Amino acid sequence: MEKTAKEVFNEIQTTIDRLRAQLDELEERLAAERESMPEPAAEEPQVELEPEPVELAEPEPESEDLPAEPKSPEVEAHAEVVPVEDAPVEEVPAEPETIDLSIDMAAMGAKPQPDAKNYQWMIDLPGSQVANVISAISLNDRVLFINTLFGEDPALFQQTIAAFNSMESVSEAVSYVMANFPDWNLSSEVVYRLMMAVRRKLK
């Protein structure tokens, strides 16, 4: 059964009255507790005392008329300065200067030794192996080598080919060429053709 508006209002009013009664009761208890608590004693004001000035006594001047205390002969004997001999200083031998014995070959006008690995005739693959360098050189190339490399001297050409045949490696042949024919242009086509023939004999 639903409550009427008047019944709801009465219930709210009853609740408000009950809360007011509880609030009054709490205020009475709080007032009673305040009355039962002792009042804190009033703190006495602290008086700051000013420090009294202290007079510093001036130091008495030393008397200039007092004679110096005589030293006993034992003290004077010990006070004598004993000469100290200087300890001998060991002389450290100076290290000898390193002399640079290297010779600047370029400054003396010498031609630097070229690196044969940079030339094309050391990179390209030669033909088939031969037992004699002369067999790897055509007739036209023989004439070309004698006229351009050996100063039109066939004997020098034959001597050089014999020297190549007696060698065991290409590096030995390169050293021979650099030592005996320093004027050759190792990058030229004619030297390329000769050294490729030499490589067919030497590995």
Protein backbone atom coordinates (compact mmCIF):
# COMPACT_ATOMS: atom_id res chain seq x y z
CA MET A 1 0.00 0.00 0.00
CA GLU A 2 1.53 3.31 -1.05
CA LYS A 3 2.07 6.02 1.57
CA THR A 4 0.39 9.33 1.18
CA ALA A 5 2.37 12.53 0.94
CA LYS A 6 1.38 13.48 4.44
CA GLU A 7 2.71 10.22 5.87
CA VAL A 8 6.03 10.67 4.07
CA PHE A 9 6.28 14.24 5.32
CA ASN A 10 5.59 13.11 8.90
CA GLU A 11 8.35 10.48 8.69
CA ILE A 12 10.86 13.05 7.40
CA GLN A 13 9.90 15.46 10.16
CA THR A 14 10.33 12.72 12.78
CA THR A 15 13.82 11.91 11.42
CA ILE A 16 14.82 15.57 11.53
CA ASP A 17 13.62 15.90 15.15
CA ARG A 18 15.60 12.82 16.18
CA LEU A 19 18.79 14.17 14.50
CA ARG A 20 18.35 17.53 16.24
CA ALA A 21 18.02 15.80 19.60
CA GLN A 22 21.26 13.84 18.96
CA LEU A 23 23.05 17.02 17.90
CA ASP A 24 21.96 18.83 21.08
CA GLU A 25 23.18 15.90 23.17
CA LEU A 26 26.61 16.00 21.47
CA GLU A 27 26.93 19.77 22.05
CA GLU A 28 26.17 19.30 25.77
CA ARG A 29 28.84 16.60 26.10
CA LEU A 30 31.43 18.76 24.30
CA ALA A 31 30.68 21.73 26.59
CA ALA A 32 31.02 19.52 29.67
CA GLU A 33 34.41 18.19 28.52
CA ARG A 34 35.68 21.72 27.90
CA GLU A 35 34.73 22.77 31.42
CA SER A 36 36.47 19.75 32.96
CA MET A 37 39.81 20.44 31.16
CA PRO A 38 42.30 22.60 33.22
CA GLU A 39 43.26 25.94 31.78
CA PRO A 40 46.89 26.10 30.55
CA ALA A 41 49.18 28.18 32.71
CA ALA A 42 50.18 31.45 31.23
CA GLU A 43 53.77 31.45 30.09
CA GLU A 44 55.99 33.96 31.75
CA PRO A 45 57.67 36.34 29.34
CA GLN A 46 61.36 35.61 28.95
CA VAL A 47 63.70 38.48 29.66
CA GLU A 48 66.74 38.63 27.44
CA LEU A 49 69.86 39.57 29.34
CA GLU A 50 72.38 41.73 27.57
CA PRO A 51 75.95 40.41 27.86
CA GLU A 52 78.24 42.58 29.94
CA PRO A 53 81.17 44.07 28.02
CA VAL A 54 84.45 42.39 28.85
CA GLU A 55 87.56 44.53 28.93
CA LEU A 56 90.62 42.91 27.39
CA ALA A 57 93.83 43.52 29.22
CA GLU A 58 96.59 44.94 27.06
CA PRO A 59 99.74 42.78 26.92
CA GLU A 60 102.59 44.15 28.96
CA PRO A 61 105.56 45.25 26.86
CA GLU A 62 108.60 43.08 27.15
CA SER A 63 111.39 44.60 29.09
CA GLU A 64 114.33 45.57 26.89
CA ASP A 65 116.70 45.84 29.85
CA LEU A 66 116.71 42.13 30.66
CA PRO A 67 120.08 40.58 29.81
CA ALA A 68 120.15 37.54 27.56
CA GLU A 69 120.56 34.26 29.33
CA PRO A 70 124.13 33.00 29.02
CA LYS A 71 124.52 29.76 27.17
CA SER A 72 126.49 26.99 28.74
CA PRO A 73 129.72 25.95 26.98
CA GLU A 74 128.23 22.51 26.29
CA VAL A 75 125.32 24.07 24.41
CA GLU A 76 127.68 26.32 22.47
CA ALA A 77 129.84 23.35 21.55
CA HIS A 78 126.85 21.49 20.19
CA ALA A 79 125.68 24.62 18.38
CA GLU A 80 128.79 24.72 16.22
CA VAL A 81 128.01 24.20 12.56
CA VAL A 82 129.51 21.00 11.23
CA PRO A 83 130.43 21.26 7.56
CA VAL A 84 128.75 18.63 5.43
CA GLU A 85 130.68 17.30 2.50
CA ASP A 86 128.76 17.14 -0.75
CA ALA A 87 128.09 13.61 -1.88
CA PRO A 88 129.76 12.80 -5.19
CA VAL A 89 127.33 13.00 -8.06
CA GLU A 90 127.52 10.10 -10.45
CA GLU A 91 127.74 11.25 -14.02
CA VAL A 92 125.28 9.50 -16.28
CA PRO A 93 126.88 8.81 -19.64
CA ALA A 94 124.99 10.50 -22.41
CA GLU A 95 123.38 8.21 -24.92
CA PRO A 96 125.14 8.33 -28.27
CA GLU A 97 123.19 10.10 -30.94
CA THR A 98 121.68 7.85 -33.56
CA ILE A 99 123.11 8.65 -36.95
CA ASP A 100 120.80 8.18 -39.86
CA LEU A 101 122.81 6.32 -42.47
CA SER A 102 119.93 6.07 -44.92
CA ILE A 103 120.63 7.64 -48.28
CA ASP A 104 118.07 9.56 -50.22
CA MET A 105 118.53 7.94 -53.61
CA ALA A 106 116.12 10.35 -55.28
CA ALA A 107 118.16 13.34 -54.03
CA MET A 108 121.29 11.78 -55.52
CA GLY A 109 119.64 11.45 -58.91
CA ALA A 110 119.09 7.69 -58.78
CA LYS A 111 115.99 6.33 -60.45
CA PRO A 112 113.55 4.57 -58.09
CA GLN A 113 113.16 0.86 -58.71
CA PRO A 114 109.73 0.23 -60.28
CA ASP A 115 107.42 -2.47 -59.01
CA ALA A 116 107.08 -5.08 -61.76
CA LYS A 117 103.72 -6.24 -60.35
CA ASN A 118 102.11 -3.06 -61.67
CA TYR A 119 102.93 -3.80 -65.33
CA GLN A 120 100.47 -5.45 -67.64
CA TRP A 121 102.95 -8.17 -68.74
CA MET A 122 102.94 -9.43 -65.12
CA ILE A 123 99.14 -9.57 -65.02
CA ASP A 124 98.17 -11.06 -68.40
CA LEU A 125 98.37 -14.82 -68.88
CA PRO A 126 101.26 -15.93 -71.13
CA GLY A 127 100.96 -18.63 -73.81
CA SER A 128 101.90 -22.27 -73.48
CA GLN A 129 105.12 -23.30 -71.76
CA VAL A 130 108.32 -23.31 -73.88
CA ALA A 131 111.79 -24.73 -73.23
CA ASN A 132 113.62 -21.79 -74.84
CA VAL A 133 112.63 -18.14 -74.84
CA ILE A 134 113.71 -17.75 -78.47
CA SER A 135 111.04 -20.24 -79.58
CA ALA A 136 108.35 -17.91 -78.16
CA ILE A 137 109.58 -14.94 -80.26
CA SER A 138 108.55 -14.56 -83.90
CA LEU A 139 111.00 -13.43 -86.58
CA ASN A 140 109.40 -10.00 -86.85
CA ASP A 141 109.60 -9.54 -83.06
CA ARG A 142 113.31 -10.50 -83.09
CA VAL A 143 114.03 -7.71 -85.55
CA LEU A 144 111.86 -5.31 -83.47
CA PHE A 145 113.65 -6.19 -80.22
CA ILE A 146 117.15 -5.89 -81.73
CA ASN A 147 116.43 -2.51 -83.31
CA THR A 148 114.52 -0.89 -80.42
CA LEU A 149 115.79 -2.54 -77.22
CA PHE A 150 119.32 -3.75 -77.96
CA GLY A 151 120.64 -0.85 -80.05
CA GLU A 152 120.77 -2.91 -83.25
CA ASP A 153 123.19 -5.35 -81.59
CA PRO A 154 122.18 -8.98 -82.41
CA ALA A 155 124.92 -10.38 -80.13
CA LEU A 156 123.52 -8.50 -77.12
CA PHE A 157 120.08 -9.84 -77.97
CA GLN A 158 121.37 -13.44 -78.11
CA GLN A 159 123.31 -12.94 -74.85
CA THR A 160 120.20 -11.66 -73.07
CA ILE A 161 118.04 -14.54 -74.34
CA ALA A 162 120.69 -17.02 -73.09
CA ALA A 163 120.65 -15.30 -69.70
CA PHE A 164 116.84 -15.61 -69.53
CA ASN A 165 117.04 -19.33 -70.36
CA SER A 166 119.46 -19.93 -67.46
CA MET A 167 117.16 -18.31 -64.88
CA GLU A 168 114.61 -20.03 -62.66
CA SER A 169 111.96 -17.35 -62.00
CA VAL A 170 110.37 -14.27 -63.53
CA SER A 171 111.49 -12.12 -60.59
CA GLU A 172 115.10 -13.00 -61.42
CA ALA A 173 114.53 -11.92 -65.02
CA VAL A 174 112.94 -8.63 -63.89
CA SER A 175 115.92 -7.87 -61.65
CA TYR A 176 118.27 -8.61 -64.57
CA VAL A 177 116.40 -6.24 -66.87
CA MET A 178 116.32 -3.44 -64.30
CA ALA A 179 120.04 -3.79 -63.62
CA ASN A 180 121.28 -4.11 -67.23
CA PHE A 181 118.70 -2.07 -69.14
CA PRO A 182 117.63 0.84 -66.88
CA ASP A 183 116.62 2.91 -69.92
CA TRP A 184 113.87 0.52 -71.02
CA ASN A 185 110.33 1.78 -70.71
CA LEU A 186 108.77 -1.18 -68.92
CA SER A 187 105.29 0.07 -69.80
CA SER A 188 105.96 0.11 -73.56
CA GLU A 189 104.45 -2.32 -76.05
CA VAL A 190 107.84 -3.69 -77.16
CA VAL A 191 108.88 -4.58 -73.60
CA TYR A 192 105.45 -6.12 -73.06
CA ARG A 193 105.98 -8.46 -76.05
CA LEU A 194 109.48 -9.48 -74.90
CA MET A 195 108.51 -10.11 -71.26
CA MET A 196 105.44 -12.11 -72.25
CA ALA A 197 107.79 -14.40 -74.21
CA VAL A 198 110.06 -14.64 -71.15
CA ARG A 199 107.09 -15.60 -68.99
CA ARG A 200 106.35 -18.54 -71.27
CA LYS A 201 109.73 -19.94 -70.17
CA LEU A 202 109.80 -18.74 -66.56
CA LYS A 203 107.04 -18.91 -63.97
